[in-house]
N, C-alpha and C. Protein backbone atom coordinates (compact mmCIF):
# COMPACT_ATOMS: atom_id res chain seq x y z
N THR A 1 74.98 234.38 240.20
CA THR A 1 75.77 234.69 239.07
C THR A 1 77.03 233.67 239.07
N PHE A 2 77.44 233.45 240.12
CA PHE A 2 78.74 232.39 240.43
C PHE A 2 78.08 231.07 240.07
N ARG A 3 76.92 230.75 240.75
CA ARG A 3 76.44 229.36 240.55
C ARG A 3 76.14 229.06 239.11
N ALA A 4 75.89 230.05 238.34
CA ALA A 4 75.54 229.89 236.87
C ALA A 4 76.93 229.47 236.18
N THR A 5 78.08 229.71 236.70
CA THR A 5 79.30 229.31 236.09
C THR A 5 79.69 227.90 236.35
N LEU A 6 79.01 227.34 237.22
CA LEU A 6 79.43 225.95 237.78
C LEU A 6 78.60 224.89 236.94
N LEU A 7 79.35 223.74 236.47
CA LEU A 7 78.65 222.69 235.67
C LEU A 7 77.35 222.06 236.22
N ASP A 8 77.49 221.88 237.63
CA ASP A 8 76.28 221.24 238.17
C ASP A 8 75.11 222.20 238.27
N PHE A 9 75.29 223.43 238.40
CA PHE A 9 74.15 224.38 238.60
C PHE A 9 73.85 225.24 237.31
N GLY A 10 74.54 225.31 236.26
CA GLY A 10 74.39 226.09 235.05
C GLY A 10 73.07 225.45 234.33
N GLN A 11 72.17 226.44 233.99
CA GLN A 11 70.81 226.11 233.41
C GLN A 11 70.84 226.90 232.09
N GLY A 12 70.05 226.28 231.09
CA GLY A 12 69.76 227.07 229.83
C GLY A 12 71.05 227.76 229.09
N ALA A 13 70.98 229.04 228.87
CA ALA A 13 71.89 229.76 228.06
C ALA A 13 73.23 229.67 228.87
N ASP A 14 73.13 229.74 230.20
CA ASP A 14 74.58 229.56 231.08
C ASP A 14 75.18 228.28 230.84
N LEU A 15 74.53 227.14 230.80
CA LEU A 15 75.08 225.92 230.55
C LEU A 15 75.59 225.87 228.98
N ILE A 16 74.83 226.37 228.19
CA ILE A 16 75.25 226.33 226.56
C ILE A 16 76.50 227.23 226.56
N ALA A 17 76.54 228.16 227.36
CA ALA A 17 77.79 229.15 227.27
C ALA A 17 79.01 228.50 227.69
N GLN A 18 78.72 227.59 228.81
CA GLN A 18 79.93 226.81 229.44
C GLN A 18 80.41 225.78 228.53
N ALA A 19 79.54 225.21 227.69
CA ALA A 19 79.96 224.15 226.66
C ALA A 19 80.56 224.88 225.48
N SER A 20 80.15 226.01 225.09
CA SER A 20 80.97 226.79 224.11
C SER A 20 82.31 227.01 224.33
N ASP A 21 82.66 227.24 225.57
CA ASP A 21 84.00 227.49 226.08
C ASP A 21 84.86 226.28 225.75
N TRP A 22 84.24 225.02 225.60
CA TRP A 22 84.96 223.71 225.26
C TRP A 22 84.68 223.43 224.00
N ASN A 23 84.42 224.21 223.12
CA ASN A 23 84.05 224.06 221.61
C ASN A 23 82.94 223.01 221.43
N MET A 24 81.82 223.07 222.28
CA MET A 24 80.87 222.15 222.28
C MET A 24 79.56 222.96 222.00
N THR A 25 78.50 222.32 221.20
CA THR A 25 77.29 222.97 220.90
C THR A 25 76.30 221.84 221.39
N GLN A 26 75.23 222.27 221.66
CA GLN A 26 73.91 221.44 221.92
C GLN A 26 73.32 220.84 220.60
N ALA A 27 73.32 219.62 220.57
CA ALA A 27 72.81 218.86 219.40
C ALA A 27 71.42 219.19 219.28
N VAL A 28 70.80 219.15 218.12
CA VAL A 28 69.38 219.34 217.87
C VAL A 28 68.75 218.18 218.55
N GLY A 29 67.71 218.44 219.53
CA GLY A 29 67.02 217.43 220.26
C GLY A 29 67.82 216.92 221.53
N GLU A 30 68.97 217.46 221.87
CA GLU A 30 69.66 217.03 223.08
C GLU A 30 69.25 217.73 224.21
N SER A 31 68.91 216.93 225.18
CA SER A 31 68.49 217.59 226.55
C SER A 31 69.67 218.50 227.17
N LEU A 32 69.41 219.40 228.02
CA LEU A 32 70.42 220.09 228.78
C LEU A 32 71.18 219.16 229.57
N ASP A 33 70.40 218.23 230.26
CA ASP A 33 71.12 217.15 231.21
C ASP A 33 72.15 216.29 230.45
N ASP A 34 71.78 215.90 229.12
CA ASP A 34 72.64 215.09 228.38
C ASP A 34 73.77 216.08 227.93
N LEU A 35 73.61 217.34 227.68
CA LEU A 35 74.77 218.17 227.43
C LEU A 35 75.62 218.34 228.39
N ARG A 36 75.05 218.47 229.65
CA ARG A 36 75.90 218.58 230.90
C ARG A 36 76.79 217.35 231.10
N ARG A 37 76.15 216.27 230.86
CA ARG A 37 76.91 214.92 230.94
C ARG A 37 78.14 214.92 229.97
N ARG A 38 77.92 215.32 228.80
CA ARG A 38 78.94 215.18 227.82
C ARG A 38 80.05 216.22 228.09
N LEU A 39 79.62 217.48 228.65
CA LEU A 39 80.59 218.33 228.94
C LEU A 39 81.42 218.10 230.14
N ARG A 40 80.97 217.11 231.05
CA ARG A 40 81.62 216.73 232.25
C ARG A 40 82.71 215.68 231.62
N GLU A 41 82.29 214.81 230.68
CA GLU A 41 83.23 213.90 230.21
C GLU A 41 84.24 214.48 229.35
N ARG A 42 83.82 215.61 228.75
CA ARG A 42 84.78 216.31 227.93
C ARG A 42 86.07 216.97 228.90
N LYS A 43 85.54 217.41 229.96
CA LYS A 43 86.41 218.05 231.03
C LYS A 43 87.38 216.90 231.61
N LYS A 44 86.75 215.78 231.81
CA LYS A 44 87.60 214.61 232.43
C LYS A 44 88.56 214.19 231.40
N GLY A 45 88.27 214.14 230.17
CA GLY A 45 89.01 213.47 229.24
C GLY A 45 90.07 214.31 228.53
N GLN A 46 90.92 215.02 229.27
CA GLN A 46 91.91 215.83 228.86
C GLN A 46 93.19 215.35 229.04
N GLY A 47 94.27 215.47 228.17
CA GLY A 47 95.60 215.25 228.32
C GLY A 47 95.97 213.80 228.54
N GLY A 48 95.43 212.76 227.74
CA GLY A 48 96.02 211.54 227.87
C GLY A 48 95.01 210.50 227.49
N PHE A 49 95.61 209.18 227.17
CA PHE A 49 94.61 208.06 226.52
C PHE A 49 94.12 207.24 227.71
N THR A 50 93.20 207.89 228.51
CA THR A 50 92.59 207.28 229.64
C THR A 50 91.14 206.95 229.50
N GLU A 51 90.54 206.38 230.32
CA GLU A 51 89.29 205.92 230.29
C GLU A 51 88.39 207.14 229.79
N ASN A 52 88.54 208.20 230.65
CA ASN A 52 87.72 209.48 230.29
C ASN A 52 88.05 209.87 228.97
N TRP A 53 89.21 209.74 228.40
CA TRP A 53 89.58 210.27 227.25
C TRP A 53 88.80 209.55 226.12
N TYR A 54 88.59 208.32 226.23
CA TYR A 54 87.85 207.54 225.27
C TYR A 54 86.30 207.75 225.30
N LYS A 55 85.89 207.86 226.47
CA LYS A 55 84.66 208.32 226.87
C LYS A 55 84.27 209.64 226.15
N ARG A 56 84.99 210.73 226.33
CA ARG A 56 84.86 211.92 225.80
C ARG A 56 84.58 211.93 224.14
N TYR A 57 85.33 211.14 223.47
CA TYR A 57 85.30 210.96 222.04
C TYR A 57 84.02 210.06 221.68
N ALA A 58 83.77 209.06 222.35
CA ALA A 58 82.50 208.26 222.12
C ALA A 58 81.20 208.93 222.32
N PHE A 59 81.17 209.70 223.44
CA PHE A 59 79.92 210.54 223.59
C PHE A 59 79.85 211.79 222.41
N ALA A 60 80.90 212.30 221.98
CA ALA A 60 80.97 213.21 220.96
C ALA A 60 80.51 212.53 219.59
N ALA A 61 80.84 211.34 219.45
CA ALA A 61 80.59 210.74 218.08
C ALA A 61 78.99 210.69 217.69
N ASP A 62 78.18 210.66 218.61
CA ASP A 62 76.67 210.75 218.23
C ASP A 62 75.96 211.11 219.63
N PRO A 63 75.91 212.38 219.93
CA PRO A 63 75.31 212.84 221.19
C PRO A 63 73.87 212.43 221.45
N LEU A 64 73.15 212.19 220.33
CA LEU A 64 71.78 211.84 220.52
C LEU A 64 71.62 210.35 220.69
N ARG A 65 72.38 209.46 220.19
CA ARG A 65 72.22 208.09 220.33
C ARG A 65 72.98 207.40 221.39
N VAL A 66 74.19 208.08 221.82
CA VAL A 66 75.00 207.45 222.81
C VAL A 66 74.46 207.84 224.34
N ALA A 67 73.90 206.90 224.99
CA ALA A 67 73.35 207.26 226.26
C ALA A 67 74.40 207.10 227.31
N ASP A 68 75.25 206.07 227.19
CA ASP A 68 76.39 206.09 228.20
C ASP A 68 77.52 205.07 227.60
N VAL A 69 78.64 205.20 228.13
CA VAL A 69 80.00 204.58 227.65
C VAL A 69 80.69 203.96 228.72
N GLY A 70 81.03 202.81 228.54
CA GLY A 70 81.98 202.00 229.69
C GLY A 70 83.37 201.58 228.95
N VAL A 71 84.35 201.91 229.67
CA VAL A 71 85.69 201.59 229.04
C VAL A 71 86.42 200.76 229.96
N VAL A 72 86.97 199.65 229.47
CA VAL A 72 87.78 198.84 230.30
C VAL A 72 89.04 198.46 229.47
N GLY A 73 90.36 198.77 229.91
CA GLY A 73 91.58 198.53 229.27
C GLY A 73 92.22 197.31 229.90
N ASP A 74 93.22 196.72 229.28
CA ASP A 74 94.07 195.76 229.82
C ASP A 74 95.50 196.27 229.74
N ALA A 75 96.34 195.38 230.20
CA ALA A 75 97.87 195.69 230.22
C ALA A 75 98.47 195.68 228.82
N LYS A 76 97.91 195.08 227.83
CA LYS A 76 98.38 194.83 226.52
C LYS A 76 98.02 196.01 225.46
N GLY A 77 97.31 196.88 226.10
CA GLY A 77 96.75 197.99 225.03
C GLY A 77 95.44 197.82 224.62
N GLY A 78 94.74 196.64 225.06
CA GLY A 78 93.35 196.42 224.46
C GLY A 78 92.40 197.19 225.36
N VAL A 79 91.57 197.93 224.47
CA VAL A 79 90.51 198.87 225.18
C VAL A 79 89.12 198.44 224.56
N LYS A 80 88.19 198.02 225.59
CA LYS A 80 86.91 197.47 225.15
C LYS A 80 86.00 198.66 225.62
N VAL A 81 85.28 199.05 224.68
CA VAL A 81 84.29 200.21 224.85
C VAL A 81 82.92 199.73 224.53
N SER A 82 82.15 199.78 225.70
CA SER A 82 80.64 199.29 225.68
C SER A 82 79.77 200.45 225.49
N ILE A 83 78.95 200.46 224.61
CA ILE A 83 77.93 201.53 224.26
C ILE A 83 76.53 201.23 224.55
N LEU A 84 75.78 202.11 225.36
CA LEU A 84 74.45 201.96 225.69
C LEU A 84 73.76 202.93 224.86
N SER A 85 72.76 202.62 224.03
CA SER A 85 72.22 203.43 223.13
C SER A 85 70.90 203.96 223.84
N THR A 86 70.42 205.27 223.33
CA THR A 86 69.17 205.68 223.57
C THR A 86 67.98 205.12 222.92
N GLU A 87 68.37 204.35 221.99
CA GLU A 87 67.09 203.89 221.16
C GLU A 87 66.79 202.43 221.76
N GLY A 88 65.45 202.11 221.56
CA GLY A 88 64.97 200.81 221.92
C GLY A 88 65.33 200.34 223.47
N ASP A 89 65.77 199.15 223.67
CA ASP A 89 66.10 198.75 224.92
C ASP A 89 67.43 199.07 225.36
N GLY A 90 68.02 199.74 224.51
CA GLY A 90 69.62 200.24 224.97
C GLY A 90 70.59 199.61 224.11
N VAL A 91 70.18 198.34 223.31
CA VAL A 91 71.21 197.76 222.43
C VAL A 91 71.75 198.68 221.32
N ALA A 92 72.96 198.82 221.22
CA ALA A 92 73.49 199.78 220.12
C ALA A 92 73.47 199.02 218.81
N SER A 93 72.92 199.86 217.88
CA SER A 93 72.88 199.18 216.50
C SER A 93 74.21 199.30 215.89
N PRO A 94 74.37 198.16 214.72
CA PRO A 94 75.63 198.15 214.11
C PRO A 94 76.16 199.47 213.53
N ALA A 95 75.19 200.30 213.15
CA ALA A 95 75.50 201.69 212.57
C ALA A 95 76.13 202.46 213.58
N LEU A 96 75.52 202.61 214.76
CA LEU A 96 76.12 203.47 215.98
C LEU A 96 77.26 202.96 216.37
N LEU A 97 77.61 201.61 216.45
CA LEU A 97 78.85 201.04 216.81
C LEU A 97 79.86 201.48 215.85
N ALA A 98 79.60 201.43 214.56
CA ALA A 98 80.59 201.69 213.49
C ALA A 98 80.94 203.24 213.64
N THR A 99 79.87 204.05 213.93
CA THR A 99 80.14 205.48 214.01
C THR A 99 81.22 205.77 215.18
N VAL A 100 80.87 205.02 216.26
CA VAL A 100 81.91 205.35 217.65
C VAL A 100 83.12 204.74 217.19
N ALA A 101 83.24 203.57 216.58
CA ALA A 101 84.50 202.98 216.27
C ALA A 101 85.49 203.87 215.43
N ALA A 102 84.65 204.60 214.34
CA ALA A 102 85.36 205.38 213.52
C ALA A 102 85.95 206.57 214.22
N ALA A 103 85.18 207.02 215.15
CA ALA A 103 85.69 208.33 216.15
C ALA A 103 86.76 207.90 216.87
N LEU A 104 86.83 206.82 217.49
CA LEU A 104 87.88 206.36 218.53
C LEU A 104 89.17 205.83 217.83
N ASN A 105 89.04 205.45 216.59
CA ASN A 105 90.08 204.89 215.66
C ASN A 105 90.70 206.05 215.01
N ASP A 106 90.18 207.27 215.21
CA ASP A 106 90.90 208.47 214.42
C ASP A 106 92.31 208.50 214.98
N PRO A 107 93.37 208.77 214.07
CA PRO A 107 94.82 208.81 214.58
C PRO A 107 95.13 209.86 215.60
N LEU A 108 94.13 210.87 215.63
CA LEU A 108 94.27 211.97 216.59
C LEU A 108 93.66 211.62 217.90
N VAL A 109 92.96 210.56 218.09
CA VAL A 109 92.40 210.02 219.39
C VAL A 109 92.96 208.88 219.78
N LEU A 110 93.12 207.91 218.92
CA LEU A 110 93.71 206.65 219.43
C LEU A 110 95.19 206.53 219.82
N GLY A 111 95.33 205.96 221.03
CA GLY A 111 96.59 205.91 221.65
C GLY A 111 97.54 205.01 220.72
N ASP A 112 98.87 205.36 220.83
CA ASP A 112 99.77 204.60 219.92
C ASP A 112 99.71 203.18 220.07
N ASN A 113 99.67 202.59 221.18
CA ASN A 113 99.70 201.19 221.46
C ASN A 113 98.34 200.55 221.84
N ASP A 114 97.29 201.34 221.57
CA ASP A 114 95.97 200.83 221.96
C ASP A 114 95.30 200.34 220.75
N HIS A 115 94.36 199.15 221.12
CA HIS A 115 93.54 198.52 220.21
C HIS A 115 92.12 198.66 220.71
N VAL A 116 91.25 199.39 220.04
CA VAL A 116 89.84 199.51 220.64
C VAL A 116 88.81 198.58 219.92
N ASP A 117 88.07 197.98 220.88
CA ASP A 117 87.09 197.19 220.32
C ASP A 117 85.80 197.78 220.89
N VAL A 118 84.75 198.22 219.94
CA VAL A 118 83.60 198.84 220.39
C VAL A 118 82.44 197.80 220.28
N VAL A 119 81.68 197.77 221.40
CA VAL A 119 80.76 196.64 221.39
C VAL A 119 79.47 197.13 222.18
N PRO A 120 78.30 196.52 221.79
CA PRO A 120 77.12 197.03 222.58
C PRO A 120 77.10 196.54 224.02
N ALA A 121 76.45 197.34 224.74
CA ALA A 121 76.31 197.04 226.20
C ALA A 121 75.51 195.84 226.46
N VAL A 122 75.81 194.97 227.38
CA VAL A 122 74.83 193.89 227.91
C VAL A 122 73.71 194.42 228.47
N ILE A 123 72.43 194.11 227.89
CA ILE A 123 71.22 194.52 228.65
C ILE A 123 70.62 193.36 229.35
N ARG A 124 70.26 193.79 230.58
CA ARG A 124 69.56 192.84 231.55
C ARG A 124 68.17 193.27 231.63
N VAL A 125 67.33 192.41 231.29
CA VAL A 125 65.85 193.00 231.26
C VAL A 125 65.17 192.49 232.57
N VAL A 126 64.42 193.42 233.24
CA VAL A 126 63.85 193.25 234.60
C VAL A 126 62.37 193.40 234.36
N ASN A 127 61.55 192.55 234.84
CA ASN A 127 60.11 192.68 234.87
C ASN A 127 59.69 193.16 236.35
N VAL A 128 58.58 194.10 236.37
CA VAL A 128 58.15 194.69 237.68
C VAL A 128 56.77 194.32 237.89
N GLU A 129 56.39 193.80 239.09
CA GLU A 129 55.07 193.52 239.38
C GLU A 129 54.83 193.84 240.80
N ALA A 130 53.88 194.65 241.12
CA ALA A 130 53.58 195.22 242.49
C ALA A 130 52.01 195.30 242.78
N ASP A 131 51.59 195.10 244.07
CA ASP A 131 50.16 195.27 244.55
C ASP A 131 50.08 196.81 244.99
N VAL A 132 49.12 197.50 244.36
CA VAL A 132 48.99 198.93 244.72
C VAL A 132 47.53 199.25 245.23
N TRP A 133 47.48 200.00 246.35
CA TRP A 133 46.46 200.61 246.90
C TRP A 133 46.31 202.03 246.56
N LEU A 134 45.17 202.64 246.21
CA LEU A 134 44.92 204.06 245.99
C LEU A 134 44.15 204.70 247.02
N LEU A 135 44.39 205.92 247.17
CA LEU A 135 43.59 206.93 247.88
C LEU A 135 42.08 206.80 247.53
N PRO A 136 41.02 207.12 248.42
CA PRO A 136 39.68 207.05 247.81
C PRO A 136 39.50 208.01 246.79
N GLU A 137 40.14 209.25 246.92
CA GLU A 137 39.84 210.31 245.87
C GLU A 137 40.64 210.27 244.72
N ALA A 138 41.51 209.23 244.61
CA ALA A 138 42.39 209.24 243.35
C ALA A 138 41.49 208.86 242.14
N PRO A 139 41.86 209.36 241.00
CA PRO A 139 41.15 208.96 239.77
C PRO A 139 41.53 207.41 239.34
N ALA A 140 40.70 206.88 238.54
CA ALA A 140 40.75 205.66 238.12
C ALA A 140 42.08 205.40 237.17
N SER A 141 42.60 206.56 236.71
CA SER A 141 43.74 206.46 235.78
C SER A 141 45.03 206.72 236.60
N GLU A 142 44.89 206.63 237.96
CA GLU A 142 46.12 206.90 238.65
C GLU A 142 47.22 205.68 238.58
N LEU A 143 46.95 204.45 238.19
CA LEU A 143 47.73 203.45 238.18
C LEU A 143 48.63 203.62 236.79
N GLN A 144 47.93 204.19 235.77
CA GLN A 144 48.74 204.39 234.54
C GLN A 144 49.49 205.58 234.77
N THR A 145 49.17 206.51 235.58
CA THR A 145 49.96 207.74 235.88
C THR A 145 51.33 207.25 236.62
N ALA A 146 51.07 206.31 237.61
CA ALA A 146 52.32 205.83 238.33
C ALA A 146 53.13 205.00 237.51
N GLU A 147 52.64 204.28 236.48
CA GLU A 147 53.49 203.45 235.73
C GLU A 147 54.21 204.51 234.70
N ASP A 148 53.69 205.49 234.17
CA ASP A 148 54.31 206.35 233.24
C ASP A 148 55.33 207.10 234.03
N ARG A 149 55.10 207.48 235.36
CA ARG A 149 56.18 207.93 236.24
C ARG A 149 57.36 207.15 236.34
N LEU A 150 57.09 205.77 236.65
CA LEU A 150 58.27 204.82 236.69
C LEU A 150 59.04 204.97 235.44
N LYS A 151 58.55 204.82 234.22
CA LYS A 151 59.18 204.73 233.12
C LYS A 151 60.06 205.99 232.86
N THR A 152 59.42 207.20 233.28
CA THR A 152 60.14 208.46 233.03
C THR A 152 61.40 208.47 234.08
N GLU A 153 61.30 208.03 235.20
CA GLU A 153 62.33 208.21 236.31
C GLU A 153 63.32 207.18 235.87
N PHE A 154 62.84 205.97 235.37
CA PHE A 154 63.86 204.88 234.88
C PHE A 154 64.71 205.47 233.76
N ALA A 155 64.15 206.07 232.77
CA ALA A 155 64.98 206.61 231.65
C ALA A 155 65.91 207.57 232.05
N ALA A 156 65.44 208.37 232.88
CA ALA A 156 66.45 209.48 233.35
C ALA A 156 67.58 209.05 234.30
N SER A 157 67.45 207.82 234.93
CA SER A 157 68.35 207.27 235.95
C SER A 157 69.28 206.25 235.23
N ARG A 158 68.77 205.56 234.29
CA ARG A 158 69.56 204.20 233.79
C ARG A 158 70.98 204.70 233.25
N ARG A 159 71.89 203.96 233.63
CA ARG A 159 73.32 204.00 233.23
C ARG A 159 73.92 202.89 233.20
N LEU A 160 75.01 202.60 232.55
CA LEU A 160 75.89 201.50 232.82
C LEU A 160 76.33 201.22 234.14
N GLY A 161 76.16 200.02 234.76
CA GLY A 161 76.60 199.81 235.98
C GLY A 161 75.62 200.25 237.04
N TRP A 162 74.56 200.67 236.82
CA TRP A 162 73.43 201.27 237.65
C TRP A 162 72.63 200.13 238.09
N ASP A 163 72.71 199.83 239.43
CA ASP A 163 71.81 198.64 239.93
C ASP A 163 70.26 199.19 240.20
N PHE A 164 69.37 198.15 239.78
CA PHE A 164 68.02 198.32 239.73
C PHE A 164 67.43 197.77 240.98
N THR A 165 66.94 198.57 241.85
CA THR A 165 66.46 198.15 243.24
C THR A 165 64.85 198.29 243.36
N ALA A 166 64.48 197.59 244.27
CA ALA A 166 62.86 197.65 244.55
C ALA A 166 62.58 199.11 245.24
N ASP A 167 63.53 199.59 245.95
CA ASP A 167 63.30 200.97 246.62
C ASP A 167 63.13 201.96 245.35
N PHE A 168 63.86 201.76 244.39
CA PHE A 168 63.72 202.72 243.18
C PHE A 168 62.22 202.59 242.56
N VAL A 169 61.82 201.38 242.42
CA VAL A 169 60.35 201.29 241.95
C VAL A 169 59.46 202.05 242.90
N ILE A 170 59.53 201.60 244.17
CA ILE A 170 58.46 202.17 245.10
C ILE A 170 58.67 203.63 245.18
N ALA A 171 59.75 204.29 245.12
CA ALA A 171 59.72 205.71 244.95
C ALA A 171 59.22 206.26 243.83
N SER A 172 59.36 205.64 242.71
CA SER A 172 58.96 206.15 241.26
C SER A 172 57.41 206.09 241.24
N LEU A 173 56.97 205.03 241.76
CA LEU A 173 55.38 204.66 241.73
C LEU A 173 54.57 205.54 242.63
N ARG A 174 55.33 206.17 243.69
CA ARG A 174 54.65 206.97 244.63
C ARG A 174 54.07 208.24 244.14
N THR A 175 53.14 208.27 243.47
CA THR A 175 52.31 209.41 243.01
C THR A 175 51.48 209.96 244.12
N SER A 176 50.69 211.08 243.95
CA SER A 176 49.92 211.73 244.89
C SER A 176 48.64 210.69 245.29
N GLY A 177 48.11 209.93 244.38
CA GLY A 177 47.06 209.18 244.60
C GLY A 177 47.27 207.84 245.00
N VAL A 178 48.64 207.35 245.27
CA VAL A 178 49.02 206.02 245.71
C VAL A 178 49.09 205.97 247.14
N ARG A 179 48.38 205.14 247.79
CA ARG A 179 48.38 204.85 249.36
C ARG A 179 49.46 203.99 249.74
N ARG A 180 49.51 202.77 249.10
CA ARG A 180 50.36 201.76 249.53
C ARG A 180 51.03 200.89 248.33
N ILE A 181 52.22 200.47 248.54
CA ILE A 181 52.85 199.57 247.47
C ILE A 181 53.34 198.37 248.12
N VAL A 182 53.31 197.12 247.68
CA VAL A 182 53.91 195.91 248.01
C VAL A 182 54.53 195.25 246.84
N MET A 183 55.85 195.29 246.78
CA MET A 183 56.48 194.78 245.73
C MET A 183 56.49 193.21 245.67
N ILE A 184 56.23 192.74 244.50
CA ILE A 184 56.35 191.23 244.24
C ILE A 184 57.72 190.88 243.44
N SER A 185 57.84 191.79 242.54
CA SER A 185 59.15 191.53 241.60
C SER A 185 59.53 192.82 241.28
N PRO A 186 60.84 193.32 241.54
CA PRO A 186 61.81 192.59 242.31
C PRO A 186 61.29 192.63 243.74
N ALA A 187 61.57 191.62 244.66
CA ALA A 187 61.13 191.58 246.00
C ALA A 187 61.67 192.88 246.64
N ALA A 188 61.09 193.18 247.97
CA ALA A 188 61.53 194.22 248.55
C ALA A 188 62.91 194.46 248.99
N ASP A 189 63.42 193.16 249.30
CA ASP A 189 64.95 193.22 249.67
C ASP A 189 65.89 192.75 248.55
N ASP A 190 65.41 192.73 247.38
CA ASP A 190 66.14 192.29 246.23
C ASP A 190 66.42 193.46 245.22
N TYR A 191 67.43 193.05 244.30
CA TYR A 191 68.01 194.03 243.37
C TYR A 191 68.55 193.39 242.16
N THR A 192 68.68 194.02 241.06
CA THR A 192 69.44 193.53 240.03
C THR A 192 70.69 194.24 239.81
N ARG A 193 71.85 193.55 239.96
CA ARG A 193 73.16 194.14 240.05
C ARG A 193 73.64 194.23 238.51
N ALA A 194 74.20 195.41 238.08
CA ALA A 194 74.65 195.66 236.83
C ALA A 194 76.24 195.81 236.89
N GLU A 195 77.00 195.21 236.01
CA GLU A 195 78.35 195.36 235.91
C GLU A 195 78.60 196.55 235.08
N PRO A 196 79.83 197.01 235.00
CA PRO A 196 80.29 198.18 234.35
C PRO A 196 79.84 198.26 232.84
N ASN A 197 79.62 197.01 232.31
CA ASN A 197 79.38 197.07 230.95
C ASN A 197 78.07 196.55 230.60
N GLU A 198 77.16 196.59 231.82
CA GLU A 198 75.84 196.22 231.67
C GLU A 198 74.75 197.30 232.10
N ALA A 199 73.66 197.26 231.51
CA ALA A 199 72.57 198.15 231.85
C ALA A 199 71.19 197.28 232.01
N VAL A 200 70.11 197.84 232.70
CA VAL A 200 69.02 197.32 232.84
C VAL A 200 68.10 197.93 231.91
N ALA A 201 67.06 197.14 231.43
CA ALA A 201 65.95 197.51 230.67
C ALA A 201 64.70 197.01 231.30
N LEU A 202 63.64 197.83 231.34
CA LEU A 202 62.42 197.45 231.90
C LEU A 202 61.74 196.58 230.74
N GLY A 203 61.15 195.49 231.36
CA GLY A 203 60.44 194.40 230.59
C GLY A 203 58.99 194.83 230.86
N THR A 204 58.28 193.71 231.38
CA THR A 204 56.83 194.03 231.57
C THR A 204 56.60 194.77 232.94
N ILE A 205 55.67 195.55 233.07
CA ILE A 205 55.20 196.31 234.28
C ILE A 205 53.81 195.97 234.61
N LYS A 206 53.43 195.24 235.63
CA LYS A 206 52.19 194.72 236.20
C LYS A 206 51.78 195.41 237.47
N LEU A 207 50.85 196.38 237.42
CA LEU A 207 50.44 196.93 238.73
C LEU A 207 49.06 196.44 239.06
N ASN A 208 49.01 195.61 240.30
CA ASN A 208 47.75 195.07 240.61
C ASN A 208 46.99 195.95 241.57
N PHE A 209 45.68 196.42 241.01
CA PHE A 209 44.95 197.26 241.91
C PHE A 209 44.35 196.48 242.95
N LYS A 210 44.56 196.89 244.30
CA LYS A 210 44.10 196.09 245.35
C LYS A 210 42.94 196.77 246.10
N GLY A 211 42.58 197.84 245.70
CA GLY A 211 41.53 198.64 246.49
C GLY A 211 41.98 200.01 246.80
N ARG A 212 41.21 200.50 247.71
CA ARG A 212 41.42 201.92 248.23
C ARG A 212 41.30 202.04 249.65
N SER A 213 42.28 202.87 250.31
CA SER A 213 42.31 203.07 251.77
C SER A 213 43.03 204.29 252.01
N TYR A 214 42.64 204.73 253.27
CA TYR A 214 43.71 205.87 253.89
C TYR A 214 44.68 205.38 254.60
């Protein structure tokens, strides 16, 4: 019962109840994990015009299309807000940027000396290629299963500033029927570094079937 009251452990109706305590509701089509993320930013963004303050209202502006928010301020009151979209490869549309800008420039949200600039996050496209060996009993569709799992794990993990590594690819492709994986791109010791205003997008995925073995 106590765990259900904690943000990191609450599920289902318990998490929705936590959100309602902060005057938040689950948007139609919004996953519980995304609601949890919004609630976390809401709790952080209390009592001042800080990075988390603007993140809170940017997420709330469009819970279904705002995937992540990056905020960088300068000493002169300039605030650059980078938006990662849930749509397409992550580039926020002009309509979404306008929606977030309107929310952040509300007189009740905007700091007296702040000037907010809402921009799309920089997207860095990465291509994946790997040689893959399957177990003898694995079905012919196992490569597609592994590719689908990589896409799912990537979508769940991607955030602004999240580095894309070969280790992540290997772990995501490791389905029950995969025996061995040798990375070609990115190389086993390589990774794509993302700055706080950048996010990675998957480009092509090429899995080369190399045979079967134990």
